[in-house]
Amino acid sequence: MTGKRGRPSAAERLERHERVVDVVIRMLIDHGYDAVTFDRISAEAHVAKRTLYADFGDRSGLVRAAVRRQHPTDPSAGDLRAAAIEIIAHLLSDEAIGIHRAIIAAADAALAAEFYDEGPARAQRILADRIPDPDAAPILFAALLGEPHRRRLLGLSEAPDAAQVEAHVDATLALLELGPVRRAHSD
């Protein structure tokens, strides 16, 4: 073996973490939750199982890391509109829809609870920090996801582009009187 010896640098650890999460996401999307095993992830990500256990703890830790990637990590950054756009763009992406489908198919209550805490509940906390009544965050979140998310989960529509996400967020915020009414300019 011709690799360097010693502890990896912070950059190397971050690259390894991202590589592992990429593999977990691909496994979830392509093969479902049952495919996410330490043996398979170790082999595909070229990371020792011992390192995976140290970094992620267990299989749920691997899945939590994949779910976390779907949400903004800095709840203090950006206004309501910017946060909503980022959340919705991620949650309507092919990657997020694939993960959501895998979690539903797993039919595991504990996994579903962890998914909810790391996903929807986290997004709602981010939104709650930006609205006058934080208790209304679940309503805002439901309105933002609503029909577009349902259609994506069922495979009835493609992932929206940036302009479609922005238009949907703007319409939702205007409807709920949480943002200005934005109209498309016609030339």
N, C-alpha and C. Protein backbone atom coordinates (compact mmCIF):
# COMPACT_ATOMS: atom_id res chain seq x y z
N MET A 1 0.84 -1.17 0.00
CA MET A 1 0.00 0.00 0.00
C MET A 1 0.88 1.24 0.00
N THR A 2 0.53 2.21 -0.82
CA THR A 2 1.40 3.37 -0.97
C THR A 2 0.71 4.65 -0.54
N GLY A 3 -0.06 4.62 0.47
CA GLY A 3 -0.72 5.82 0.97
C GLY A 3 0.12 6.47 2.04
N LYS A 4 -0.19 7.72 2.34
CA LYS A 4 0.55 8.38 3.41
C LYS A 4 0.10 7.82 4.74
N ARG A 5 0.94 7.90 5.72
CA ARG A 5 0.61 7.37 7.04
C ARG A 5 0.36 8.52 7.99
N GLY A 6 -0.32 8.22 9.08
CA GLY A 6 -0.61 9.25 10.07
C GLY A 6 -2.05 9.70 9.97
N ARG A 7 -2.36 10.65 10.80
CA ARG A 7 -3.74 11.15 10.84
C ARG A 7 -4.05 12.01 9.62
N PRO A 8 -5.26 11.86 9.09
CA PRO A 8 -5.63 12.70 7.94
C PRO A 8 -5.83 14.15 8.39
N SER A 9 -5.62 15.06 7.46
CA SER A 9 -5.83 16.48 7.75
C SER A 9 -7.34 16.75 7.82
N ALA A 10 -7.69 17.93 8.28
CA ALA A 10 -9.11 18.31 8.35
C ALA A 10 -9.73 18.27 6.96
N ALA A 11 -9.00 18.73 5.96
CA ALA A 11 -9.52 18.71 4.58
C ALA A 11 -9.74 17.28 4.10
N GLU A 12 -8.81 16.39 4.44
CA GLU A 12 -8.95 14.99 4.05
C GLU A 12 -10.13 14.33 4.76
N ARG A 13 -10.33 14.66 6.04
CA ARG A 13 -11.48 14.11 6.78
C ARG A 13 -12.79 14.60 6.16
N LEU A 14 -12.85 15.88 5.81
CA LEU A 14 -14.06 16.43 5.19
C LEU A 14 -14.31 15.76 3.84
N GLU A 15 -13.28 15.59 3.04
CA GLU A 15 -13.43 14.94 1.74
C GLU A 15 -13.92 13.50 1.92
N ARG A 16 -13.38 12.79 2.91
CA ARG A 16 -13.79 11.42 3.19
C ARG A 16 -15.26 11.39 3.62
N HIS A 17 -15.63 12.31 4.50
CA HIS A 17 -17.02 12.39 4.97
C HIS A 17 -17.97 12.60 3.78
N GLU A 18 -17.63 13.55 2.92
CA GLU A 18 -18.48 13.85 1.76
C GLU A 18 -18.56 12.66 0.81
N ARG A 19 -17.44 11.97 0.63
CA ARG A 19 -17.42 10.78 -0.23
C ARG A 19 -18.33 9.69 0.33
N VAL A 20 -18.28 9.49 1.64
CA VAL A 20 -19.13 8.48 2.27
C VAL A 20 -20.61 8.87 2.11
N VAL A 21 -20.93 10.13 2.37
CA VAL A 21 -22.33 10.58 2.24
C VAL A 21 -22.80 10.43 0.80
N ASP A 22 -21.93 10.72 -0.17
CA ASP A 22 -22.29 10.51 -1.58
C ASP A 22 -22.67 9.06 -1.83
N VAL A 23 -21.89 8.14 -1.29
CA VAL A 23 -22.16 6.71 -1.48
C VAL A 23 -23.46 6.32 -0.78
N VAL A 24 -23.67 6.81 0.43
CA VAL A 24 -24.92 6.50 1.16
C VAL A 24 -26.12 6.98 0.36
N ILE A 25 -26.05 8.20 -0.14
CA ILE A 25 -27.17 8.75 -0.93
C ILE A 25 -27.42 7.90 -2.16
N ARG A 26 -26.37 7.56 -2.87
CA ARG A 26 -26.52 6.73 -4.07
C ARG A 26 -27.14 5.37 -3.72
N MET A 27 -26.70 4.77 -2.61
CA MET A 27 -27.26 3.48 -2.17
C MET A 27 -28.75 3.61 -1.85
N LEU A 28 -29.08 4.65 -1.09
CA LEU A 28 -30.48 4.86 -0.73
C LEU A 28 -31.35 5.02 -1.98
N ILE A 29 -30.90 5.84 -2.90
CA ILE A 29 -31.69 6.12 -4.10
C ILE A 29 -31.78 4.90 -5.02
N ASP A 30 -30.65 4.25 -5.25
CA ASP A 30 -30.62 3.15 -6.22
C ASP A 30 -31.11 1.82 -5.67
N HIS A 31 -30.89 1.58 -4.36
CA HIS A 31 -31.16 0.24 -3.83
C HIS A 31 -32.00 0.22 -2.55
N GLY A 32 -32.25 1.38 -1.96
CA GLY A 32 -33.06 1.42 -0.75
C GLY A 32 -32.26 1.32 0.53
N TYR A 33 -32.95 1.48 1.62
CA TYR A 33 -32.33 1.52 2.95
C TYR A 33 -31.57 0.24 3.28
N ASP A 34 -32.11 -0.90 2.90
CA ASP A 34 -31.46 -2.17 3.24
C ASP A 34 -30.08 -2.32 2.61
N ALA A 35 -29.82 -1.58 1.53
CA ALA A 35 -28.51 -1.64 0.87
C ALA A 35 -27.43 -0.88 1.64
N VAL A 36 -27.85 -0.02 2.56
CA VAL A 36 -26.89 0.78 3.32
C VAL A 36 -26.34 -0.08 4.45
N THR A 37 -25.23 -0.75 4.14
CA THR A 37 -24.54 -1.57 5.14
C THR A 37 -23.11 -1.05 5.24
N PHE A 38 -22.49 -1.28 6.38
CA PHE A 38 -21.11 -0.83 6.56
C PHE A 38 -20.18 -1.53 5.58
N ASP A 39 -20.43 -2.79 5.28
CA ASP A 39 -19.59 -3.50 4.32
C ASP A 39 -19.65 -2.83 2.94
N ARG A 40 -20.85 -2.56 2.46
CA ARG A 40 -21.00 -1.95 1.13
C ARG A 40 -20.47 -0.53 1.10
N ILE A 41 -20.78 0.26 2.12
CA ILE A 41 -20.31 1.64 2.14
C ILE A 41 -18.79 1.67 2.23
N SER A 42 -18.22 0.83 3.07
CA SER A 42 -16.77 0.75 3.22
C SER A 42 -16.11 0.43 1.88
N ALA A 43 -16.63 -0.56 1.19
CA ALA A 43 -16.05 -0.97 -0.09
C ALA A 43 -16.19 0.12 -1.15
N GLU A 44 -17.36 0.70 -1.25
CA GLU A 44 -17.59 1.70 -2.31
C GLU A 44 -16.93 3.04 -2.04
N ALA A 45 -16.83 3.43 -0.79
CA ALA A 45 -16.23 4.72 -0.45
C ALA A 45 -14.73 4.60 -0.18
N HIS A 46 -14.23 3.36 -0.15
CA HIS A 46 -12.80 3.11 0.13
C HIS A 46 -12.40 3.69 1.48
N VAL A 47 -13.21 3.33 2.48
CA VAL A 47 -12.99 3.78 3.86
C VAL A 47 -13.11 2.56 4.76
N ALA A 48 -12.23 2.45 5.71
CA ALA A 48 -12.26 1.31 6.64
C ALA A 48 -13.57 1.32 7.44
N LYS A 49 -14.12 0.13 7.68
CA LYS A 49 -15.34 0.04 8.49
C LYS A 49 -15.14 0.67 9.86
N ARG A 50 -13.99 0.48 10.43
CA ARG A 50 -13.69 1.05 11.74
C ARG A 50 -13.84 2.58 11.70
N THR A 51 -13.37 3.20 10.62
CA THR A 51 -13.49 4.65 10.46
C THR A 51 -14.96 5.05 10.32
N LEU A 52 -15.72 4.26 9.58
CA LEU A 52 -17.16 4.56 9.43
C LEU A 52 -17.86 4.53 10.79
N TYR A 53 -17.57 3.50 11.57
CA TYR A 53 -18.18 3.42 12.90
C TYR A 53 -17.76 4.60 13.77
N ALA A 54 -16.50 4.98 13.69
CA ALA A 54 -16.01 6.12 14.49
C ALA A 54 -16.66 7.42 14.05
N ASP A 55 -16.83 7.60 12.75
CA ASP A 55 -17.36 8.86 12.22
C ASP A 55 -18.89 8.95 12.27
N PHE A 56 -19.58 7.82 12.09
CA PHE A 56 -21.04 7.86 11.95
C PHE A 56 -21.79 7.07 13.02
N GLY A 57 -21.12 6.23 13.76
CA GLY A 57 -21.75 5.47 14.83
C GLY A 57 -22.46 4.22 14.39
N ASP A 58 -23.50 4.38 13.61
CA ASP A 58 -24.29 3.24 13.15
C ASP A 58 -24.93 3.57 11.81
N ARG A 59 -25.73 2.64 11.31
CA ARG A 59 -26.38 2.84 10.01
C ARG A 59 -27.29 4.06 10.03
N SER A 60 -27.98 4.29 11.13
CA SER A 60 -28.82 5.48 11.23
C SER A 60 -27.98 6.75 11.13
N GLY A 61 -26.77 6.72 11.67
CA GLY A 61 -25.87 7.87 11.56
C GLY A 61 -25.49 8.15 10.12
N LEU A 62 -25.31 7.10 9.34
CA LEU A 62 -25.03 7.28 7.91
C LEU A 62 -26.21 7.95 7.22
N VAL A 63 -27.41 7.48 7.52
CA VAL A 63 -28.61 8.04 6.89
C VAL A 63 -28.84 9.47 7.36
N ARG A 64 -28.63 9.73 8.66
CA ARG A 64 -28.77 11.11 9.16
C ARG A 64 -27.86 12.07 8.41
N ALA A 65 -26.64 11.65 8.15
CA ALA A 65 -25.70 12.50 7.42
C ALA A 65 -26.22 12.79 6.01
N ALA A 66 -26.83 11.80 5.37
CA ALA A 66 -27.40 12.02 4.04
C ALA A 66 -28.57 12.99 4.11
N VAL A 67 -29.41 12.85 5.11
CA VAL A 67 -30.58 13.74 5.26
C VAL A 67 -30.13 15.16 5.59
N ARG A 68 -29.13 15.29 6.46
CA ARG A 68 -28.62 16.61 6.84
C ARG A 68 -28.16 17.41 5.63
N ARG A 69 -27.61 16.73 4.67
CA ARG A 69 -27.12 17.42 3.48
C ARG A 69 -28.25 18.13 2.73
N GLN A 70 -29.47 17.69 2.92
CA GLN A 70 -30.60 18.26 2.20
C GLN A 70 -31.08 19.59 2.77
N HIS A 71 -30.54 20.02 3.87
CA HIS A 71 -31.02 21.23 4.54
C HIS A 71 -29.89 22.20 4.79
N PRO A 72 -30.20 23.48 4.79
CA PRO A 72 -29.17 24.46 5.13
C PRO A 72 -28.63 24.16 6.53
N THR A 73 -27.34 24.37 6.70
CA THR A 73 -26.75 24.07 8.00
C THR A 73 -26.60 25.29 8.89
N ASP A 74 -26.75 26.48 8.33
CA ASP A 74 -26.58 27.70 9.12
C ASP A 74 -27.91 28.44 9.22
N PRO A 75 -28.67 28.16 10.28
CA PRO A 75 -29.98 28.80 10.39
C PRO A 75 -29.92 30.30 10.60
N SER A 76 -28.75 30.87 10.81
CA SER A 76 -28.68 32.32 11.01
C SER A 76 -28.47 33.07 9.70
N ALA A 77 -28.16 32.36 8.63
CA ALA A 77 -27.86 33.00 7.35
C ALA A 77 -29.12 33.19 6.51
N GLY A 78 -29.25 34.36 5.90
CA GLY A 78 -30.32 34.60 4.94
C GLY A 78 -31.65 34.97 5.55
N ASP A 79 -32.45 35.66 4.75
CA ASP A 79 -33.79 36.03 5.17
C ASP A 79 -34.75 34.88 4.90
N LEU A 80 -36.03 35.10 5.20
CA LEU A 80 -37.04 34.05 5.03
C LEU A 80 -37.08 33.55 3.60
N ARG A 81 -37.13 34.45 2.64
CA ARG A 81 -37.22 34.05 1.24
C ARG A 81 -36.02 33.20 0.84
N ALA A 82 -34.82 33.67 1.19
CA ALA A 82 -33.61 32.93 0.82
C ALA A 82 -33.59 31.55 1.46
N ALA A 83 -33.96 31.48 2.73
CA ALA A 83 -33.99 30.18 3.41
C ALA A 83 -35.03 29.26 2.79
N ALA A 84 -36.20 29.79 2.49
CA ALA A 84 -37.27 28.98 1.89
C ALA A 84 -36.85 28.47 0.52
N ILE A 85 -36.23 29.33 -0.27
CA ILE A 85 -35.77 28.90 -1.60
C ILE A 85 -34.76 27.78 -1.47
N GLU A 86 -33.81 27.94 -0.57
CA GLU A 86 -32.79 26.90 -0.39
C GLU A 86 -33.41 25.59 0.07
N ILE A 87 -34.30 25.66 1.03
CA ILE A 87 -34.96 24.45 1.55
C ILE A 87 -35.75 23.76 0.45
N ILE A 88 -36.59 24.51 -0.25
CA ILE A 88 -37.46 23.90 -1.26
C ILE A 88 -36.65 23.38 -2.44
N ALA A 89 -35.64 24.12 -2.87
CA ALA A 89 -34.81 23.63 -3.98
C ALA A 89 -34.18 22.29 -3.62
N HIS A 90 -33.68 22.16 -2.40
CA HIS A 90 -33.08 20.90 -1.97
C HIS A 90 -34.13 19.80 -1.85
N LEU A 91 -35.26 20.10 -1.23
CA LEU A 91 -36.24 19.05 -0.96
C LEU A 91 -36.99 18.58 -2.20
N LEU A 92 -36.98 19.36 -3.26
CA LEU A 92 -37.62 18.93 -4.50
C LEU A 92 -36.60 18.35 -5.49
N SER A 93 -35.35 18.25 -5.06
CA SER A 93 -34.31 17.69 -5.94
C SER A 93 -34.47 16.18 -6.06
N ASP A 94 -33.91 15.64 -7.13
CA ASP A 94 -33.96 14.18 -7.33
C ASP A 94 -33.33 13.45 -6.15
N GLU A 95 -32.24 13.99 -5.64
CA GLU A 95 -31.53 13.35 -4.53
C GLU A 95 -32.42 13.27 -3.28
N ALA A 96 -33.02 14.39 -2.91
CA ALA A 96 -33.86 14.41 -1.70
C ALA A 96 -35.09 13.53 -1.87
N ILE A 97 -35.68 13.56 -3.04
CA ILE A 97 -36.86 12.72 -3.29
C ILE A 97 -36.48 11.24 -3.20
N GLY A 98 -35.33 10.88 -3.73
CA GLY A 98 -34.87 9.49 -3.64
C GLY A 98 -34.65 9.04 -2.21
N ILE A 99 -34.06 9.92 -1.40
CA ILE A 99 -33.84 9.60 0.02
C ILE A 99 -35.19 9.46 0.72
N HIS A 100 -36.11 10.38 0.47
CA HIS A 100 -37.43 10.34 1.10
C HIS A 100 -38.14 9.03 0.76
N ARG A 101 -38.10 8.64 -0.51
CA ARG A 101 -38.74 7.39 -0.92
C ARG A 101 -38.12 6.19 -0.19
N ALA A 102 -36.79 6.19 -0.05
CA ALA A 102 -36.11 5.08 0.62
C ALA A 102 -36.52 4.99 2.08
N ILE A 103 -36.67 6.13 2.74
CA ILE A 103 -37.07 6.14 4.15
C ILE A 103 -38.50 5.61 4.28
N ILE A 104 -39.37 6.06 3.41
CA ILE A 104 -40.76 5.57 3.45
C ILE A 104 -40.80 4.06 3.21
N ALA A 105 -40.05 3.58 2.22
CA ALA A 105 -40.06 2.15 1.89
C ALA A 105 -39.48 1.30 3.02
N ALA A 106 -38.58 1.86 3.81
CA ALA A 106 -37.97 1.10 4.91
C ALA A 106 -39.01 0.72 5.97
N ALA A 107 -40.08 1.51 6.09
CA ALA A 107 -41.15 1.24 7.05
C ALA A 107 -40.60 0.96 8.45
N ASP A 108 -39.70 1.81 8.89
CA ASP A 108 -39.06 1.67 10.20
C ASP A 108 -39.38 2.93 11.00
N ALA A 109 -40.13 2.76 12.07
CA ALA A 109 -40.59 3.91 12.85
C ALA A 109 -39.44 4.73 13.45
N ALA A 110 -38.42 4.05 13.96
CA ALA A 110 -37.28 4.77 14.54
C ALA A 110 -36.54 5.56 13.47
N LEU A 111 -36.33 4.94 12.31
CA LEU A 111 -35.67 5.62 11.20
C LEU A 111 -36.51 6.81 10.73
N ALA A 112 -37.82 6.63 10.65
CA ALA A 112 -38.71 7.71 10.23
C ALA A 112 -38.62 8.88 11.21
N ALA A 113 -38.56 8.58 12.51
CA ALA A 113 -38.45 9.65 13.51
C ALA A 113 -37.14 10.40 13.37
N GLU A 114 -36.04 9.68 13.13
CA GLU A 114 -34.75 10.32 12.93
C GLU A 114 -34.76 11.16 11.66
N PHE A 115 -35.36 10.62 10.59
CA PHE A 115 -35.48 11.35 9.33
C PHE A 115 -36.26 12.65 9.57
N TYR A 116 -37.35 12.56 10.30
CA TYR A 116 -38.17 13.74 10.56
C TYR A 116 -37.39 14.78 11.36
N ASP A 117 -36.68 14.34 12.39
CA ASP A 117 -35.90 15.28 13.22
C ASP A 117 -34.80 15.97 12.43
N GLU A 118 -34.11 15.21 11.58
CA GLU A 118 -33.00 15.78 10.81
C GLU A 118 -33.47 16.51 9.56
N GLY A 119 -34.68 16.22 9.11
CA GLY A 119 -35.19 16.81 7.87
C GLY A 119 -36.26 17.85 8.12
N PRO A 120 -37.53 17.44 8.07
CA PRO A 120 -38.61 18.40 8.21
C PRO A 120 -38.57 19.25 9.48
N ALA A 121 -38.28 18.66 10.62
CA ALA A 121 -38.25 19.44 11.86
C ALA A 121 -37.13 20.48 11.82
N ARG A 122 -36.00 20.09 11.27
CA ARG A 122 -34.87 21.03 11.15
C ARG A 122 -35.23 22.19 10.22
N ALA A 123 -35.85 21.88 9.09
CA ALA A 123 -36.27 22.93 8.15
C ALA A 123 -37.27 23.87 8.81
N GLN A 124 -38.18 23.31 9.59
CA GLN A 124 -39.17 24.14 10.27
C GLN A 124 -38.52 25.06 11.30
N ARG A 125 -37.49 24.58 11.98
CA ARG A 125 -36.77 25.44 12.93
C ARG A 125 -36.10 26.61 12.21
N ILE A 126 -35.54 26.32 11.05
CA ILE A 126 -34.89 27.37 10.25
C ILE A 126 -35.92 28.41 9.84
N LEU A 127 -37.09 27.96 9.40
CA LEU A 127 -38.16 28.89 9.01
C LEU A 127 -38.69 29.64 10.22
N ALA A 128 -38.84 28.96 11.35
CA ALA A 128 -39.40 29.58 12.56
C ALA A 128 -38.56 30.76 13.03
N ASP A 129 -37.25 30.69 12.80
CA ASP A 129 -36.36 31.79 13.19
C ASP A 129 -36.58 33.04 12.34
N ARG A 130 -37.36 32.92 11.27
CA ARG A 130 -37.50 34.02 10.33
C ARG A 130 -38.92 34.55 10.16
N ILE A 131 -39.84 34.06 10.97
CA ILE A 131 -41.23 34.52 10.83
C ILE A 131 -41.72 35.10 12.16
N PRO A 132 -42.71 36.00 12.09
CA PRO A 132 -43.21 36.65 13.31
C PRO A 132 -43.76 35.68 14.35
N ASP A 133 -44.45 34.63 13.90
CA ASP A 133 -45.01 33.64 14.82
C ASP A 133 -44.33 32.30 14.59
N PRO A 134 -43.29 31.98 15.35
CA PRO A 134 -42.55 30.73 15.13
C PRO A 134 -43.42 29.48 15.19
N ASP A 135 -44.55 29.56 15.91
CA ASP A 135 -45.44 28.39 16.00
C ASP A 135 -46.11 28.09 14.66
N ALA A 136 -46.07 29.03 13.73
CA ALA A 136 -46.68 28.84 12.41
C ALA A 136 -45.72 28.17 11.42
N ALA A 137 -44.50 27.86 11.84
CA ALA A 137 -43.52 27.26 10.93
C ALA A 137 -44.01 25.95 10.29
N PRO A 138 -44.69 25.06 11.03
CA PRO A 138 -45.18 23.84 10.36
C PRO A 138 -46.18 24.15 9.23
N ILE A 139 -47.00 25.17 9.41
CA ILE A 139 -47.96 25.54 8.37
C ILE A 139 -47.23 26.09 7.15
N LEU A 140 -46.25 26.97 7.41
CA LEU A 140 -45.46 27.51 6.31
C LEU A 140 -44.73 26.39 5.57
N PHE A 141 -44.11 25.49 6.30
CA PHE A 141 -43.38 24.38 5.70
C PHE A 141 -44.31 23.54 4.83
N ALA A 142 -45.48 23.23 5.34
CA ALA A 142 -46.45 22.43 4.58
C ALA A 142 -46.89 23.16 3.32
N ALA A 143 -47.12 24.46 3.44
CA ALA A 143 -47.54 25.24 2.27
C ALA A 143 -46.42 25.31 1.23
N LEU A 144 -45.19 25.44 1.68
CA LEU A 144 -44.08 25.51 0.74
C LEU A 144 -43.87 24.19 0.01
N LEU A 145 -43.96 23.08 0.73
CA LEU A 145 -43.76 21.78 0.08
C LEU A 145 -45.00 21.35 -0.70
N GLY A 146 -46.10 21.21 0.01
CA GLY A 146 -47.40 20.90 -0.56
C GLY A 146 -47.43 20.03 -1.81
N GLU A 147 -48.17 20.52 -2.77
CA GLU A 147 -48.43 19.77 -4.00
C GLU A 147 -47.17 19.49 -4.81
N PRO A 148 -46.24 20.43 -4.93
CA PRO A 148 -45.02 20.09 -5.69
C PRO A 148 -44.27 18.89 -5.11
N HIS A 149 -44.19 18.81 -3.80
CA HIS A 149 -43.49 17.68 -3.17
C HIS A 149 -44.25 16.38 -3.37
N ARG A 150 -45.54 16.43 -3.22
CA ARG A 150 -46.37 15.22 -3.41
C ARG A 150 -46.20 14.71 -4.85
N ARG A 151 -46.26 15.62 -5.82
CA ARG A 151 -46.10 15.21 -7.23
C ARG A 151 -44.71 14.63 -7.49
N ARG A 152 -43.70 15.18 -6.84
CA ARG A 152 -42.33 14.66 -7.01
C ARG A 152 -42.22 13.26 -6.39
N LEU A 153 -42.76 13.09 -5.18
CA LEU A 153 -42.68 11.78 -4.54
C LEU A 153 -43.36 10.70 -5.37
N LEU A 154 -44.44 11.06 -6.03
CA LEU A 154 -45.19 10.10 -6.83
C LEU A 154 -44.63 9.95 -8.25
N GLY A 155 -43.59 10.69 -8.56
CA GLY A 155 -42.99 10.60 -9.89
C GLY A 155 -43.82 11.25 -10.97
N LEU A 156 -44.68 12.20 -10.61
CA LEU A 156 -45.57 12.84 -11.57
C LEU A 156 -44.99 14.12 -12.16
N SER A 157 -43.89 14.59 -11.61
CA SER A 157 -43.26 15.80 -12.17
C SER A 157 -41.75 15.74 -11.97
N GLU A 158 -41.08 16.51 -12.78
CA GLU A 158 -39.63 16.61 -12.71
C GLU A 158 -39.23 17.63 -11.65
N ALA A 159 -37.97 17.62 -11.28
CA ALA A 159 -37.46 18.62 -10.34
C ALA A 159 -37.60 20.01 -10.97
N PRO A 160 -38.07 20.97 -10.19
CA PRO A 160 -38.22 22.32 -10.73
C PRO A 160 -36.86 23.00 -10.91
N ASP A 161 -36.82 23.95 -11.85
CA ASP A 161 -35.59 24.73 -12.00
C ASP A 161 -35.63 25.88 -11.00
N ALA A 162 -34.55 26.65 -10.94
CA ALA A 162 -34.43 27.72 -9.94
C ALA A 162 -35.56 28.74 -10.07
N ALA A 163 -35.93 29.10 -11.28
CA ALA A 163 -36.99 30.08 -11.47
C ALA A 163 -38.34 29.55 -10.96
N GLN A 164 -38.60 28.28 -11.18
CA GLN A 164 -39.85 27.68 -10.70
C GLN A 164 -39.88 27.63 -9.18
N VAL A 165 -38.75 27.30 -8.56
CA VAL A 165 -38.68 27.28 -7.09
C VAL A 165 -38.94 28.68 -6.55
N GLU A 166 -38.28 29.67 -7.11
CA GLU A 166 -38.46 31.05 -6.65
C GLU A 166 -39.90 31.51 -6.81
N ALA A 167 -40.51 31.20 -7.95
CA ALA A 167 -41.91 31.60 -8.17
C ALA A 167 -42.83 30.93 -7.16
N HIS A 168 -42.59 29.65 -6.88
CA HIS A 168 -43.42 28.94 -5.91
C HIS A 168 -43.26 29.52 -4.50
N VAL A 169 -42.02 29.78 -4.10
CA VAL A 169 -41.76 30.36 -2.78
C VAL A 169 -42.39 31.74 -2.69
N ASP A 170 -42.20 32.55 -3.72
CA ASP A 170 -42.77 33.91 -3.70
C ASP A 170 -44.30 33.87 -3.60
N ALA A 171 -44.93 33.00 -4.36
CA ALA A 171 -46.39 32.89 -4.32
C ALA A 171 -46.87 32.43 -2.95
N THR A 172 -46.16 31.46 -2.37
CA THR A 172 -46.55 30.95 -1.05
C THR A 172 -46.39 32.02 0.02
N LEU A 173 -45.25 32.71 0.02
CA LEU A 173 -45.02 33.76 1.02
C LEU A 173 -46.03 34.90 0.86
N ALA A 174 -46.35 35.25 -0.38
CA ALA A 174 -47.34 36.31 -0.61
C ALA A 174 -48.72 35.87 -0.13
N LEU A 175 -49.09 34.64 -0.43
CA LEU A 175 -50.39 34.11 -0.01
C LEU A 175 -50.53 34.13 1.50
N LEU A 176 -49.45 33.81 2.19
CA LEU A 176 -49.47 33.79 3.65
C LEU A 176 -49.10 35.14 4.27
N GLU A 177 -48.96 36.14 3.40
CA GLU A 177 -48.63 37.50 3.81
C GLU A 177 -47.32 37.56 4.60
N LEU A 178 -46.35 36.78 4.13
CA LEU A 178 -45.03 36.76 4.75
C LEU A 178 -43.97 37.37 3.83
N GLY A 179 -44.38 37.83 2.69
CA GLY A 179 -43.44 38.42 1.75
C GLY A 179 -44.17 39.24 0.72
N PRO A 180 -43.43 40.05 0.01
CA PRO A 180 -44.08 40.89 -1.01
C PRO A 180 -44.60 40.06 -2.16
N VAL A 181 -45.60 40.59 -2.81
CA VAL A 181 -46.10 39.96 -4.03
C VAL A 181 -45.09 40.28 -5.12
N ARG A 182 -44.53 39.27 -5.72
CA ARG A 182 -43.55 39.47 -6.80
C ARG A 182 -44.23 39.06 -8.09
N ARG A 183 -44.15 39.92 -9.04
CA ARG A 183 -44.76 39.64 -10.34
C ARG A 183 -43.66 39.50 -11.38
N ALA A 184 -43.88 38.58 -12.30
CA ALA A 184 -42.92 38.41 -13.38
C ALA A 184 -43.04 39.62 -14.32
N HIS A 185 -41.92 40.10 -14.75
CA HIS A 185 -41.90 41.22 -15.69
C HIS A 185 -42.07 40.69 -17.11
N SER A 186 -42.94 41.31 -17.88
CA SER A 186 -43.09 40.90 -19.27
C SER A 186 -42.45 41.95 -20.15
N ASP A 187 -41.62 41.49 -21.06
CA ASP A 187 -40.90 42.42 -21.95
C ASP A 187 -41.56 42.54 -23.28
